[in-house]
Structures are given as C-alpha cells and as structure tokens.
C-alpha cells in the first residue's frame, strides 16, 4: 500500500508490463487534488501563454489530453468526446458518495505541523529500532 495520485497505477502497470497495481479510495474518502496552469502576471510572453491556455481548453484538445494521460478534464465541453471507459473509471471520476467524503487540501497551522513531525519521528525511531 502506498499514498499515490489516482493515475500513478497506470504508469506503474505500463512500466512493469503488468496489471498488478490498482488505485483504491478508502471508504472514509480521500484528498481531492487539482493540477493548475497559470500565466505569471509579469510574463514576457503573456500573449503566447494565453494562446496556449486557450489551445489546451479547446474541447477536442482537452479530450485528447484527458484520454492520453487518463485523467479527468475540467473542460465540460470535452466530456461528450471521451470514451465511456474513461468516464466510468472511478479512479478518474469518483462517484458522488466518494466525493462527499473527500476534501480539498488546506493549509494547516504550525501546531498540526509540529504534531505530524513528532509522529513521523516516533515512527522513524520505532522503525530504526527494528
């Protein structure tokens, strides 16, 4: 078992030539993550960058990208262009129950970071003692 992003098992299976790796969301839910692309305000090639973003957001390109990397697309107009296999893959498009039990990443305060650090050190100490 390992913490991984939903698409990592596809890469592992592809590299190893197997289908042994899978992705499972715990019944309690999971973290929701989103990749973002942005244009820096002071970019010297701002116009070109905005054209590139417009290209990525075309329905046909978004669908192609989604299919190639087996990942969800935020472009709603691309959804009708996707294969049913991708749309029905719950590691890519989780069901409503899974989403309701999941949450977005949030910044945590210093006290929680310190607690996590203590827990990790205790685990490392236990592991090293073995």
Foldseek 3Di string as FASTA:
>chain_A
DDDDQLLVQVVVCVVVVHNPDHDDADLLAEEDDDDDDDDDPPDPPRVVVVVVVVVCLDLVNVQVVCVVSLADGPNPSNVVVHDVVSVPPCSHVNDPSNVVSYYYDDDDDPVVVVVVVVVVVVVVVVVVVD
